[in-house]
Amino acid sequence: MTTSVRAKLTFPEALVSEPVIARLALDYGVIANIRRANVEERSGWVICELSGAREALDAGVAWLEQAGVRVSWLDAPVEG
């Protein structure tokens, strides 16, 4: 079963040039459909819809937060 949720990911300066979203997809199987973004030299944010298996989302979000990305939920997860 796939779960989807909209989130805002806020990146600190140290992660702006890192392939964080690519690693989220490759390492955790979480797809990020980017809706809006603003990435500058010292900071950045992305509003996206994250989708994947619930366990993969939980693990991927835990990794993001541990890496220093601030995750803000924009709505509740939708399973379908």
PDB file of N, CA and C in Angstrom:
ATOM      1  N   MET A   1       0.846  -1.178   0.000  1.00  0.00           N
ATOM      2  CA  MET A   1       0.000   0.000   0.000  1.00  0.00           C
ATOM      3  C   MET A   1       0.894   1.245   0.000  1.00  0.00           C
ATOM      4  N   THR A   2       0.531   2.194  -0.817  1.00  0.00           N
ATOM      5  CA  THR A   2       1.296   3.434  -0.933  1.00  0.00           C
ATOM      6  C   THR A   2       0.667   4.517  -0.066  1.00  0.00           C
ATOM      7  N   THR A   3       1.515   5.266   0.602  1.00  0.00           N
ATOM      8  CA  THR A   3       1.090   6.399   1.407  1.00  0.00           C
ATOM      9  C   THR A   3       1.676   7.662   0.808  1.00  0.00           C
ATOM     10  N   SER A   4       0.885   8.737   0.784  1.00  0.00           N
ATOM     11  CA  SER A   4       1.355  10.028   0.277  1.00  0.00           C
ATOM     12  C   SER A   4       1.107  11.098   1.323  1.00  0.00           C
ATOM     13  N   VAL A   5       2.029  12.064   1.371  1.00  0.00           N
ATOM     14  CA  VAL A   5       1.876  13.182   2.296  1.00  0.00           C
ATOM     15  C   VAL A   5       2.612  14.391   1.725  1.00  0.00           C
ATOM     16  N   ARG A   6       2.040  15.572   1.923  1.00  0.00           N
ATOM     17  CA  ARG A   6       2.709  16.799   1.489  1.00  0.00           C
ATOM     18  C   ARG A   6       3.545  17.330   2.635  1.00  0.00           C
ATOM     19  N   ALA A   7       4.752  17.781   2.297  1.00  0.00           N
ATOM     20  CA  ALA A   7       5.661  18.265   3.328  1.00  0.00           C
ATOM     21  C   ALA A   7       6.518  19.393   2.780  1.00  0.00           C
ATOM     22  N   LYS A   8       7.004  20.198   3.703  1.00  0.00           N
ATOM     23  CA  LYS A   8       8.004  21.212   3.371  1.00  0.00           C
ATOM     24  C   LYS A   8       9.312  20.745   3.982  1.00  0.00           C
ATOM     25  N   LEU A   9      10.323  20.618   3.146  1.00  0.00           N
ATOM     26  CA  LEU A   9      11.655  20.227   3.591  1.00  0.00           C
ATOM     27  C   LEU A   9      12.535  21.463   3.573  1.00  0.00           C
ATOM     28  N   THR A  10      13.134  21.792   4.698  1.00  0.00           N
ATOM     29  CA  THR A  10      13.992  22.961   4.804  1.00  0.00           C
ATOM     30  C   THR A  10      15.421  22.488   5.041  1.00  0.00           C
ATOM     31  N   PHE A  11      16.315  22.923   4.158  1.00  0.00           N
ATOM     32  CA  PHE A  11      17.696  22.451   4.163  1.00  0.00           C
ATOM     33  C   PHE A  11      18.644  23.492   4.749  1.00  0.00           C
ATOM     34  N   PRO A  12      19.533  23.085   5.652  1.00  0.00           N
ATOM     35  CA  PRO A  12      20.563  23.997   6.149  1.00  0.00           C
ATOM     36  C   PRO A  12      21.657  24.162   5.092  1.00  0.00           C
ATOM     37  N   GLU A  13      22.486  25.135   5.278  1.00  0.00           N
ATOM     38  CA  GLU A  13      23.546  25.451   4.315  1.00  0.00           C
ATOM     39  C   GLU A  13      24.403  24.233   3.964  1.00  0.00           C
ATOM     40  N   ALA A  14      24.733  23.413   4.935  1.00  0.00           N
ATOM     41  CA  ALA A  14      25.614  22.270   4.698  1.00  0.00           C
ATOM     42  C   ALA A  14      25.010  21.232   3.760  1.00  0.00           C
ATOM     43  N   LEU A  15      23.682  21.219   3.612  1.00  0.00           N
ATOM     44  CA  LEU A  15      23.031  20.209   2.781  1.00  0.00           C
ATOM     45  C   LEU A  15      22.511  20.724   1.449  1.00  0.00           C
ATOM     46  N   VAL A  16      22.615  22.029   1.219  1.00  0.00           N
ATOM     47  CA  VAL A  16      22.044  22.608   0.005  1.00  0.00           C
ATOM     48  C   VAL A  16      22.630  21.984  -1.263  1.00  0.00           C
ATOM     49  N   SER A  17      23.895  21.670  -1.260  1.00  0.00           N
ATOM     50  CA  SER A  17      24.523  21.130  -2.470  1.00  0.00           C
ATOM     51  C   SER A  17      24.577  19.604  -2.487  1.00  0.00           C
ATOM     52  N   GLU A  18      23.965  18.950  -1.499  1.00  0.00           N
ATOM     53  CA  GLU A  18      23.963  17.484  -1.427  1.00  0.00           C
ATOM     54  C   GLU A  18      22.728  16.910  -2.131  1.00  0.00           C
ATOM     55  N   PRO A  19      22.838  15.715  -2.715  1.00  0.00           N
ATOM     56  CA  PRO A  19      21.699  15.097  -3.419  1.00  0.00           C
ATOM     57  C   PRO A  19      20.737  14.392  -2.451  1.00  0.00           C
ATOM     58  N   VAL A  20      20.170  15.143  -1.541  1.00  0.00           N
ATOM     59  CA  VAL A  20      19.347  14.582  -0.472  1.00  0.00           C
ATOM     60  C   VAL A  20      18.094  13.910  -1.023  1.00  0.00           C
ATOM     61  N   ILE A  21      17.399  14.549  -1.937  1.00  0.00           N
ATOM     62  CA  ILE A  21      16.162  13.981  -2.473  1.00  0.00           C
ATOM     63  C   ILE A  21      16.461  12.744  -3.319  1.00  0.00           C
ATOM     64  N   ALA A  22      17.557  12.749  -4.043  1.00  0.00           N
ATOM     65  CA  ALA A  22      17.949  11.560  -4.808  1.00  0.00           C
ATOM     66  C   ALA A  22      18.236  10.395  -3.871  1.00  0.00           C
ATOM     67  N   ARG A  23      18.910  10.639  -2.773  1.00  0.00           N
ATOM     68  CA  ARG A  23      19.198   9.573  -1.797  1.00  0.00           C
ATOM     69  C   ARG A  23      17.922   9.063  -1.151  1.00  0.00           C
ATOM     70  N   LEU A  24      16.975   9.961  -0.925  1.00  0.00           N
ATOM     71  CA  LEU A  24      15.689   9.556  -0.365  1.00  0.00           C
ATOM     72  C   LEU A  24      15.018   8.542  -1.301  1.00  0.00           C
ATOM     73  N   ALA A  25      15.071   8.794  -2.591  1.00  0.00           N
ATOM     74  CA  ALA A  25      14.479   7.877  -3.571  1.00  0.00           C
ATOM     75  C   ALA A  25      15.283   6.585  -3.696  1.00  0.00           C
ATOM     76  N   LEU A  26      16.596   6.702  -3.833  1.00  0.00           N
ATOM     77  CA  LEU A  26      17.429   5.521  -4.054  1.00  0.00           C
ATOM     78  C   LEU A  26      17.561   4.632  -2.824  1.00  0.00           C
ATOM     79  N   ASP A  27      17.769   5.221  -1.668  1.00  0.00           N
ATOM     80  CA  ASP A  27      18.025   4.443  -0.451  1.00  0.00           C
ATOM     81  C   ASP A  27      16.757   3.986   0.262  1.00  0.00           C
ATOM     82  N   TYR A  28      15.658   4.755   0.114  1.00  0.00           N
ATOM     83  CA  TYR A  28      14.447   4.452   0.873  1.00  0.00           C
ATOM     84  C   TYR A  28      13.234   4.152   0.001  1.00  0.00           C
ATOM     85  N   GLY A  29      13.334   4.366  -1.302  1.00  0.00           N
ATOM     86  CA  GLY A  29      12.203   4.112  -2.188  1.00  0.00           C
ATOM     87  C   GLY A  29      11.083   5.118  -2.035  1.00  0.00           C
ATOM     88  N   VAL A  30      11.414   6.309  -1.537  1.00  0.00           N
ATOM     89  CA  VAL A  30      10.421   7.376  -1.356  1.00  0.00           C
ATOM     90  C   VAL A  30      10.537   8.342  -2.531  1.00  0.00           C
ATOM     91  N   ILE A  31       9.423   8.540  -3.218  1.00  0.00           N
ATOM     92  CA  ILE A  31       9.395   9.434  -4.369  1.00  0.00           C
ATOM     93  C   ILE A  31       8.951  10.816  -3.904  1.00  0.00           C
ATOM     94  N   ALA A  32       9.669  11.844  -4.329  1.00  0.00           N
ATOM     95  CA  ALA A  32       9.330  13.224  -3.990  1.00  0.00           C
ATOM     96  C   ALA A  32       8.872  13.937  -5.254  1.00  0.00           C
ATOM     97  N   ASN A  33       7.592  14.276  -5.302  1.00  0.00           N
ATOM     98  CA  ASN A  33       7.047  15.056  -6.410  1.00  0.00           C
ATOM     99  C   ASN A  33       7.132  16.527  -5.993  1.00  0.00           C
ATOM    100  N   ILE A  34       8.097  17.234  -6.551  1.00  0.00           N
ATOM    101  CA  ILE A  34       8.374  18.613  -6.143  1.00  0.00           C
ATOM    102  C   ILE A  34       7.325  19.549  -6.729  1.00  0.00           C
ATOM    103  N   ARG A  35       6.679  20.313  -5.865  1.00  0.00           N
ATOM    104  CA  ARG A  35       5.638  21.266  -6.268  1.00  0.00           C
ATOM    105  C   ARG A  35       6.152  22.703  -6.329  1.00  0.00           C
ATOM    106  N   ARG A  36       7.057  23.025  -5.430  1.00  0.00           N
ATOM    107  CA  ARG A  36       7.622  24.375  -5.368  1.00  0.00           C
ATOM    108  C   ARG A  36       8.933  24.282  -4.623  1.00  0.00           C
ATOM    109  N   ALA A  37       9.883  25.121  -4.983  1.00  0.00           N
ATOM    110  CA  ALA A  37      11.179  25.084  -4.303  1.00  0.00           C
ATOM    111  C   ALA A  37      11.876  26.436  -4.412  1.00  0.00           C
ATOM    112  N   ASN A  38      12.749  26.676  -3.464  1.00  0.00           N
ATOM    113  CA  ASN A  38      13.618  27.840  -3.485  1.00  0.00           C
ATOM    114  C   ASN A  38      14.949  27.400  -2.894  1.00  0.00           C
ATOM    115  N   VAL A  39      15.948  27.317  -3.735  1.00  0.00           N
ATOM    116  CA  VAL A  39      17.267  26.871  -3.289  1.00  0.00           C
ATOM    117  C   VAL A  39      18.265  27.971  -3.598  1.00  0.00           C
ATOM    118  N   GLU A  40      18.944  28.431  -2.569  1.00  0.00           N
ATOM    119  CA  GLU A  40      19.951  29.466  -2.707  1.00  0.00           C
ATOM    120  C   GLU A  40      21.275  28.932  -2.192  1.00  0.00           C
ATOM    121  N   GLU A  41      22.278  29.761  -2.177  1.00  0.00           N
ATOM    122  CA  GLU A  41      23.611  29.326  -1.792  1.00  0.00           C
ATOM    123  C   GLU A  41      23.684  28.841  -0.347  1.00  0.00           C
ATOM    124  N   ARG A  42      22.947  29.477   0.554  1.00  0.00           N
ATOM    125  CA  ARG A  42      23.086  29.172   1.981  1.00  0.00           C
ATOM    126  C   ARG A  42      21.896  28.468   2.606  1.00  0.00           C
ATOM    127  N   SER A  43      20.814  28.357   1.899  1.00  0.00           N
ATOM    128  CA  SER A  43      19.641  27.668   2.450  1.00  0.00           C
ATOM    129  C   SER A  43      18.709  27.286   1.311  1.00  0.00           C
ATOM    130  N   GLY A  44      17.734  26.466   1.647  1.00  0.00           N
ATOM    131  CA  GLY A  44      16.767  26.084   0.626  1.00  0.00           C
ATOM    132  C   GLY A  44      15.581  25.376   1.242  1.00  0.00           C
ATOM    133  N   TRP A  45      14.480  25.386   0.518  1.00  0.00           N
ATOM    134  CA  TRP A  45      13.301  24.650   0.943  1.00  0.00           C
ATOM    135  C   TRP A  45      12.620  24.070  -0.285  1.00  0.00           C
ATOM    136  N   VAL A  46      11.915  22.978  -0.050  1.00  0.00           N
ATOM    137  CA  VAL A  46      11.187  22.289  -1.108  1.00  0.00           C
ATOM    138  C   VAL A  46       9.828  21.890  -0.547  1.00  0.00           C
ATOM    139  N   ILE A  47       8.767  22.207  -1.274  1.00  0.00           N
ATOM    140  CA  ILE A  47       7.450  21.699  -0.943  1.00  0.00           C
ATOM    141  C   ILE A  47       7.198  20.554  -1.908  1.00  0.00           C
ATOM    142  N   CYS A  48       6.904  19.380  -1.351  1.00  0.00           N
ATOM    143  CA  CYS A  48       6.755  18.210  -2.204  1.00  0.00           C
ATOM    144  C   CYS A  48       5.728  17.252  -1.640  1.00  0.00           C
ATOM    145  N   GLU A  49       5.303  16.354  -2.499  1.00  0.00           N
ATOM    146  CA  GLU A  49       4.467  15.244  -2.079  1.00  0.00           C
ATOM    147  C   GLU A  49       5.374  14.028  -2.004  1.00  0.00           C
ATOM    148  N   LEU A  50       5.491  13.453  -0.832  1.00  0.00           N
ATOM    149  CA  LEU A  50       6.312  12.265  -0.623  1.00  0.00           C
ATOM    150  C   LEU A  50       5.401  11.052  -0.698  1.00  0.00           C
ATOM    151  N   SER A  51       5.816  10.030  -1.453  1.00  0.00           N
ATOM    152  CA  SER A  51       4.990   8.833  -1.541  1.00  0.00           C
ATOM    153  C   SER A  51       5.853   7.587  -1.539  1.00  0.00           C
ATOM    154  N   GLY A  52       5.282   6.531  -0.959  1.00  0.00           N
ATOM    155  CA  GLY A  52       5.958   5.247  -0.872  1.00  0.00           C
ATOM    156  C   GLY A  52       5.277   4.399   0.177  1.00  0.00           C
ATOM    157  N   ALA A  53       5.838   3.240   0.446  1.00  0.00           N
ATOM    158  CA  ALA A  53       5.316   2.394   1.511  1.00  0.00           C
ATOM    159  C   ALA A  53       5.446   3.138   2.836  1.00  0.00           C
ATOM    160  N   ARG A  54       4.500   2.941   3.725  1.00  0.00           N
ATOM    161  CA  ARG A  54       4.488   3.672   5.000  1.00  0.00           C
ATOM    162  C   ARG A  54       5.799   3.492   5.771  1.00  0.00           C
ATOM    163  N   GLU A  55       6.307   2.265   5.790  1.00  0.00           N
ATOM    164  CA  GLU A  55       7.560   1.987   6.494  1.00  0.00           C
ATOM    165  C   GLU A  55       8.721   2.745   5.848  1.00  0.00           C
ATOM    166  N   ALA A  56       8.717   2.819   4.521  1.00  0.00           N
ATOM    167  CA  ALA A  56       9.772   3.539   3.800  1.00  0.00           C
ATOM    168  C   ALA A  56       9.693   5.031   4.096  1.00  0.00           C
ATOM    169  N   LEU A  57       8.474   5.576   4.123  1.00  0.00           N
ATOM    170  CA  LEU A  57       8.308   6.996   4.461  1.00  0.00           C
ATOM    171  C   LEU A  57       8.823   7.284   5.866  1.00  0.00           C
ATOM    172  N   ASP A  58       8.441   6.446   6.813  1.00  0.00           N
ATOM    173  CA  ASP A  58       8.889   6.652   8.192  1.00  0.00           C
ATOM    174  C   ASP A  58      10.414   6.626   8.283  1.00  0.00           C
ATOM    175  N   ALA A  59      11.032   5.628   7.639  1.00  0.00           N
ATOM    176  CA  ALA A  59      12.495   5.511   7.676  1.00  0.00           C
ATOM    177  C   ALA A  59      13.163   6.666   6.949  1.00  0.00           C
ATOM    178  N   GLY A  60      12.629   7.051   5.794  1.00  0.00           N
ATOM    179  CA  GLY A  60      13.206   8.143   5.020  1.00  0.00           C
ATOM    180  C   GLY A  60      13.114   9.476   5.734  1.00  0.00           C
ATOM    181  N   VAL A  61      11.985   9.738   6.363  1.00  0.00           N
ATOM    182  CA  VAL A  61      11.811  10.993   7.109  1.00  0.00           C
ATOM    183  C   VAL A  61      12.723  11.005   8.331  1.00  0.00           C
ATOM    184  N   ALA A  62      12.859   9.877   8.997  1.00  0.00           N
ATOM    185  CA  ALA A  62      13.778   9.807  10.141  1.00  0.00           C
ATOM    186  C   ALA A  62      15.200  10.113   9.690  1.00  0.00           C
ATOM    187  N   TRP A  63      15.594   9.586   8.538  1.00  0.00           N
ATOM    188  CA  TRP A  63      16.931   9.863   7.998  1.00  0.00           C
ATOM    189  C   TRP A  63      17.085  11.348   7.668  1.00  0.00           C
ATOM    190  N   LEU A  64      16.059  11.947   7.025  1.00  0.00           N
ATOM    191  CA  LEU A  64      16.115  13.377   6.696  1.00  0.00           C
ATOM    192  C   LEU A  64      16.352  14.201   7.957  1.00  0.00           C
ATOM    193  N   GLU A  65      15.558  13.936   8.982  1.00  0.00           N
ATOM    194  CA  GLU A  65      15.661  14.709  10.221  1.00  0.00           C
ATOM    195  C   GLU A  65      17.017  14.493  10.891  1.00  0.00           C
ATOM    196  N   GLN A  66      17.506  13.266  10.877  1.00  0.00           N
ATOM    197  CA  GLN A  66      18.812  12.978  11.468  1.00  0.00           C
ATOM    198  C   GLN A  66      19.926  13.703  10.700  1.00  0.00           C
ATOM    199  N   ALA A  67      19.744  13.845   9.392  1.00  0.00           N
ATOM    200  CA  ALA A  67      20.741  14.520   8.559  1.00  0.00           C
ATOM    201  C   ALA A  67      20.714  16.037   8.740  1.00  0.00           C
ATOM    202  N   GLY A  68      19.636  16.586   9.325  1.00  0.00           N
ATOM    203  CA  GLY A  68      19.560  18.022   9.563  1.00  0.00           C
ATOM    204  C   GLY A  68      18.497  18.736   8.750  1.00  0.00           C
ATOM    205  N   VAL A  69      17.688  17.985   8.009  1.00  0.00           N
ATOM    206  CA  VAL A  69      16.587  18.586   7.242  1.00  0.00           C
ATOM    207  C   VAL A  69      15.390  18.746   8.173  1.00  0.00           C
ATOM    208  N   ARG A  70      14.790  19.924   8.171  1.00  0.00           N
ATOM    209  CA  ARG A  70      13.580  20.137   8.973  1.00  0.00           C
ATOM    210  C   ARG A  70      12.377  19.735   8.123  1.00  0.00           C
ATOM    211  N   VAL A  71      11.567  18.831   8.630  1.00  0.00           N
ATOM    212  CA  VAL A  71      10.394  18.335   7.911  1.00  0.00           C
ATOM    213  C   VAL A  71       9.153  18.910   8.578  1.00  0.00           C
ATOM    214  N   SER A  72       8.362  19.649   7.797  1.00  0.00           N
ATOM    215  CA  SER A  72       7.108  20.225   8.288  1.00  0.00           C
ATOM    216  C   SER A  72       5.969  19.623   7.468  1.00  0.00           C
ATOM    217  N   TRP A  73       5.024  18.971   8.141  1.00  0.00           N
ATOM    218  CA  TRP A  73       3.906  18.348   7.446  1.00  0.00           C
ATOM    219  C   TRP A  73       2.869  19.400   7.062  1.00  0.00           C
ATOM    220  N   LEU A  74       2.402  19.328   5.826  1.00  0.00           N
ATOM    221  CA  LEU A  74       1.397  20.268   5.336  1.00  0.00           C
ATOM    222  C   LEU A  74       0.002  19.672   5.355  1.00  0.00           C
ATOM    223  N   ASP A  75      -0.090  18.355   5.482  1.00  0.00           N
ATOM    224  CA  ASP A  75      -1.371  17.685   5.643  1.00  0.00           C
ATOM    225  C   ASP A  75      -1.135  16.305   6.227  1.00  0.00           C
ATOM    226  N   ALA A  76      -2.190  15.576   6.484  1.00  0.00           N
ATOM    227  CA  ALA A  76      -2.079  14.237   7.049  1.00  0.00           C
ATOM    228  C   ALA A  76      -1.783  13.226   5.953  1.00  0.00           C
ATOM    229  N   PRO A  77      -1.085  12.141   6.278  1.00  0.00           N
ATOM    230  CA  PRO A  77      -0.818  11.105   5.280  1.00  0.00           C
ATOM    231  C   PRO A  77      -2.104  10.512   4.717  1.00  0.00           C
ATOM    232  N   VAL A  78      -2.071  10.177   3.422  1.00  0.00           N
ATOM    233  CA  VAL A  78      -3.210   9.553   2.749  1.00  0.00           C
ATOM    234  C   VAL A  78      -2.751   8.202   2.243  1.00  0.00           C
ATOM    235  N   GLU A  79      -3.418   7.155   2.686  1.00  0.00           N
ATOM    236  CA  GLU A  79      -3.065   5.807   2.224  1.00  0.00           C
ATOM    237  C   GLU A  79      -3.998   5.412   1.118  1.00  0.00           C
ATOM    238  N   GLY A  80      -3.433   4.752   0.108  1.00  0.00           N
ATOM    239  CA  GLY A  80      -4.291   4.357  -1.011  1.00  0.00           C
ATOM    240  C   GLY A  80      -3.642   3.391  -1.928  1.00  0.00           C
TER     241      GLY A  80
END
